[in-house]
Amino acid sequence: MLEVLANKWALYVLAALRSDERPIRFNELRRLLDGITQKMLTQTLRALERDGLVRRSVHPTTPPSVEYSLTPLGVEAGTLTTAIADWSKQHARQILASRQDFDRRDS
C-alpha cells in the first residue's frame, strides 16, 4: 500500500478526485494532471481501483462513458495524503535549507 501512496501520480489523482467531490471522466482527469501520460494515468487509476481507493463507473452510452470517484477508503487516504502535503508545504523552506547545508558539507 505504501508503494501506491508513495507514487506521485497516485497522490495527484487522489487530490484531483478529492478536490472536485464529483465523478470525473478520464480525459478531464488527464487535463487536470498536467504532465501525466495516458498510459501512466491508466496504470495509476487501475492500481488505485485494485486497492479499493477509486471507483470506476461505466455508463452504457455510445461511446461508453467512464467516470472515476473516490471510495470511502479513498476519501480517508486522501485525508492522510493532504496532511502530508500540508506538512511538506509548511516545512519546505526548512527542508531546502537542510539539503543545501548537507550538500555544502559534502562538497
C-alpha atoms as a PDB file:
ATOM      1  CA  MET A   1       0.000   0.000   0.000  1.00  0.00           C
ATOM      2  CA  LEU A   2       2.855   2.366   0.789  1.00  0.00           C
ATOM      3  CA  GLU A   3       4.220   1.807  -2.700  1.00  0.00           C
ATOM      4  CA  VAL A   4       0.972   3.044  -4.226  1.00  0.00           C
ATOM      5  CA  LEU A   5       0.647   6.056  -1.932  1.00  0.00           C
ATOM      6  CA  ALA A   6       4.318   6.954  -2.415  1.00  0.00           C
ATOM      7  CA  ASN A   7       3.713   7.262  -6.157  1.00  0.00           C
ATOM      8  CA  LYS A   8       3.473  10.952  -7.060  1.00  0.00           C
ATOM      9  CA  TRP A   9       0.796  10.360  -9.682  1.00  0.00           C
ATOM     10  CA  ALA A  10      -1.336   8.391  -7.230  1.00  0.00           C
ATOM     11  CA  LEU A  11      -1.166  11.344  -4.845  1.00  0.00           C
ATOM     12  CA  TYR A  12      -2.128  13.750  -7.627  1.00  0.00           C
ATOM     13  CA  VAL A  13      -5.048  11.560  -8.758  1.00  0.00           C
ATOM     14  CA  LEU A  14      -6.355  11.253  -5.199  1.00  0.00           C
ATOM     15  CA  ALA A  15      -6.058  15.019  -4.738  1.00  0.00           C
ATOM     16  CA  ALA A  16      -7.845  15.748  -8.024  1.00  0.00           C
ATOM     17  CA  LEU A  17     -10.706  13.394  -7.224  1.00  0.00           C
ATOM     18  CA  ARG A  18     -10.904  14.707  -3.660  1.00  0.00           C
ATOM     19  CA  SER A  19     -10.942  18.376  -4.621  1.00  0.00           C
ATOM     20  CA  ASP A  20     -13.745  18.050  -7.116  1.00  0.00           C
ATOM     21  CA  GLU A  21     -16.016  15.866  -4.952  1.00  0.00           C
ATOM     22  CA  ARG A  22     -17.814  14.538  -8.012  1.00  0.00           C
ATOM     23  CA  PRO A  23     -17.054  11.774 -10.501  1.00  0.00           C
ATOM     24  CA  ILE A  24     -14.527  12.837 -13.130  1.00  0.00           C
ATOM     25  CA  ARG A  25     -14.079  11.454 -16.620  1.00  0.00           C
ATOM     26  CA  PHE A  26     -10.708  10.115 -17.766  1.00  0.00           C
ATOM     27  CA  ASN A  27      -9.879  12.939 -20.184  1.00  0.00           C
ATOM     28  CA  GLU A  28     -10.882  15.561 -17.644  1.00  0.00           C
ATOM     29  CA  LEU A  29      -8.520  13.963 -15.129  1.00  0.00           C
ATOM     30  CA  ARG A  30      -5.773  13.940 -17.739  1.00  0.00           C
ATOM     31  CA  ARG A  31      -6.257  17.673 -18.358  1.00  0.00           C
ATOM     32  CA  LEU A  32      -6.185  18.369 -14.615  1.00  0.00           C
ATOM     33  CA  LEU A  33      -2.943  16.444 -14.137  1.00  0.00           C
ATOM     34  CA  ASP A  34      -0.514  18.361 -16.305  1.00  0.00           C
ATOM     35  CA  GLY A  35       2.330  16.153 -17.495  1.00  0.00           C
ATOM     36  CA  ILE A  36       0.776  12.735 -16.948  1.00  0.00           C
ATOM     37  CA  THR A  37       0.692  10.409 -19.936  1.00  0.00           C
ATOM     38  CA  GLN A  38      -2.380   8.418 -20.880  1.00  0.00           C
ATOM     39  CA  LYS A  39      -0.522   5.195 -20.050  1.00  0.00           C
ATOM     40  CA  MET A  40       0.570   6.428 -16.598  1.00  0.00           C
ATOM     41  CA  LEU A  41      -2.927   7.697 -15.763  1.00  0.00           C
ATOM     42  CA  THR A  42      -4.427   4.354 -16.797  1.00  0.00           C
ATOM     43  CA  GLN A  43      -1.892   2.418 -14.696  1.00  0.00           C
ATOM     44  CA  THR A  44      -2.403   4.699 -11.703  1.00  0.00           C
ATOM     45  CA  LEU A  45      -6.193   4.508 -11.851  1.00  0.00           C
ATOM     46  CA  ARG A  46      -6.066   0.706 -12.153  1.00  0.00           C
ATOM     47  CA  ALA A  47      -3.763   0.424  -9.138  1.00  0.00           C
ATOM     48  CA  LEU A  48      -5.990   2.719  -7.071  1.00  0.00           C
ATOM     49  CA  GLU A  49      -9.103   0.825  -8.173  1.00  0.00           C
ATOM     50  CA  ARG A  50      -7.467  -2.521  -7.354  1.00  0.00           C
ATOM     51  CA  ASP A  51      -6.672  -1.276  -3.850  1.00  0.00           C
ATOM     52  CA  GLY A  52     -10.234  -0.080  -3.334  1.00  0.00           C
ATOM     53  CA  LEU A  53      -9.446   3.652  -3.273  1.00  0.00           C
ATOM     54  CA  VAL A  54     -11.078   4.586  -6.586  1.00  0.00           C
ATOM     55  CA  ARG A  55     -14.405   3.535  -8.069  1.00  0.00           C
ATOM     56  CA  ARG A  56     -14.698   3.178 -11.849  1.00  0.00           C
ATOM     57  CA  SER A  57     -18.214   3.617 -13.218  1.00  0.00           C
ATOM     58  CA  VAL A  58     -19.037   2.714 -16.815  1.00  0.00           C
ATOM     59  CA  HIS A  59     -22.218   4.203 -18.258  1.00  0.00           C
ATOM     60  CA  PRO A  60     -23.813   2.361 -21.198  1.00  0.00           C
ATOM     61  CA  THR A  61     -23.744   5.176 -23.723  1.00  0.00           C
ATOM     62  CA  THR A  62     -22.310   5.317 -27.218  1.00  0.00           C
ATOM     63  CA  PRO A  63     -19.377   5.593 -26.852  1.00  0.00           C
ATOM     64  CA  PRO A  64     -19.244   4.290 -23.271  1.00  0.00           C
ATOM     65  CA  SER A  65     -18.725   6.965 -20.656  1.00  0.00           C
ATOM     66  CA  VAL A  66     -16.330   6.138 -17.809  1.00  0.00           C
ATOM     67  CA  GLU A  67     -16.103   8.165 -14.610  1.00  0.00           C
ATOM     68  CA  TYR A  68     -13.839   7.885 -11.590  1.00  0.00           C
ATOM     69  CA  SER A  69     -14.567   8.815  -7.989  1.00  0.00           C
ATOM     70  CA  LEU A  70     -13.161   8.103  -4.555  1.00  0.00           C
ATOM     71  CA  THR A  71     -14.477   5.288  -2.418  1.00  0.00           C
ATOM     72  CA  PRO A  72     -14.846   5.926   1.334  1.00  0.00           C
ATOM     73  CA  LEU A  73     -11.413   4.308   1.728  1.00  0.00           C
ATOM     74  CA  GLY A  74     -10.053   6.687  -0.920  1.00  0.00           C
ATOM     75  CA  VAL A  75     -11.519   9.691   0.894  1.00  0.00           C
ATOM     76  CA  GLU A  76      -9.762   8.558   4.070  1.00  0.00           C
ATOM     77  CA  ALA A  77      -6.463   8.044   2.232  1.00  0.00           C
ATOM     78  CA  GLY A  78      -6.908  11.476   0.664  1.00  0.00           C
ATOM     79  CA  THR A  79      -7.222  12.997   4.128  1.00  0.00           C
ATOM     80  CA  LEU A  80      -3.893  11.434   5.107  1.00  0.00           C
ATOM     81  CA  THR A  81      -2.103  12.471   1.937  1.00  0.00           C
ATOM     82  CA  THR A  82      -3.458  16.012   2.257  1.00  0.00           C
ATOM     83  CA  ALA A  83      -1.998  16.175   5.764  1.00  0.00           C
ATOM     84  CA  ILE A  84       1.395  15.107   4.390  1.00  0.00           C
ATOM     85  CA  ALA A  85       1.163  17.705   1.602  1.00  0.00           C
ATOM     86  CA  ASP A  86       0.244  20.427   4.095  1.00  0.00           C
ATOM     87  CA  TRP A  87       3.161  19.441   6.343  1.00  0.00           C
ATOM     88  CA  SER A  88       5.518  19.493   3.334  1.00  0.00           C
ATOM     89  CA  LYS A  89       4.409  22.982   2.331  1.00  0.00           C
ATOM     90  CA  GLN A  90       4.722  24.245   5.897  1.00  0.00           C
ATOM     91  CA  HIS A  91       8.288  22.934   6.243  1.00  0.00           C
ATOM     92  CA  ALA A  92       9.554  23.305   2.659  1.00  0.00           C
ATOM     93  CA  ARG A  93      11.986  26.122   3.488  1.00  0.00           C
ATOM     94  CA  GLN A  94      13.497  24.170   6.377  1.00  0.00           C
ATOM     95  CA  ILE A  95      13.892  21.073   4.235  1.00  0.00           C
ATOM     96  CA  LEU A  96      15.515  23.012   1.386  1.00  0.00           C
ATOM     97  CA  ALA A  97      17.890  24.740   3.828  1.00  0.00           C
ATOM     98  CA  SER A  98      18.862  21.367   5.316  1.00  0.00           C
ATOM     99  CA  ARG A  99      19.529  19.989   1.836  1.00  0.00           C
ATOM    100  CA  GLN A 100      21.735  22.960   0.982  1.00  0.00           C
ATOM    101  CA  ASP A 101      23.677  22.609   4.247  1.00  0.00           C
ATOM    102  CA  PHE A 102      24.157  18.906   3.625  1.00  0.00           C
ATOM    103  CA  ASP A 103      25.280  19.451   0.017  1.00  0.00           C
ATOM    104  CA  ARG A 104      27.758  22.165   1.066  1.00  0.00           C
ATOM    105  CA  ARG A 105      29.130  19.938   3.805  1.00  0.00           C
ATOM    106  CA  ASP A 106      29.522  17.037   1.379  1.00  0.00           C
ATOM    107  CA  SER A 107      31.364  19.151  -1.208  1.00  0.00           C
END
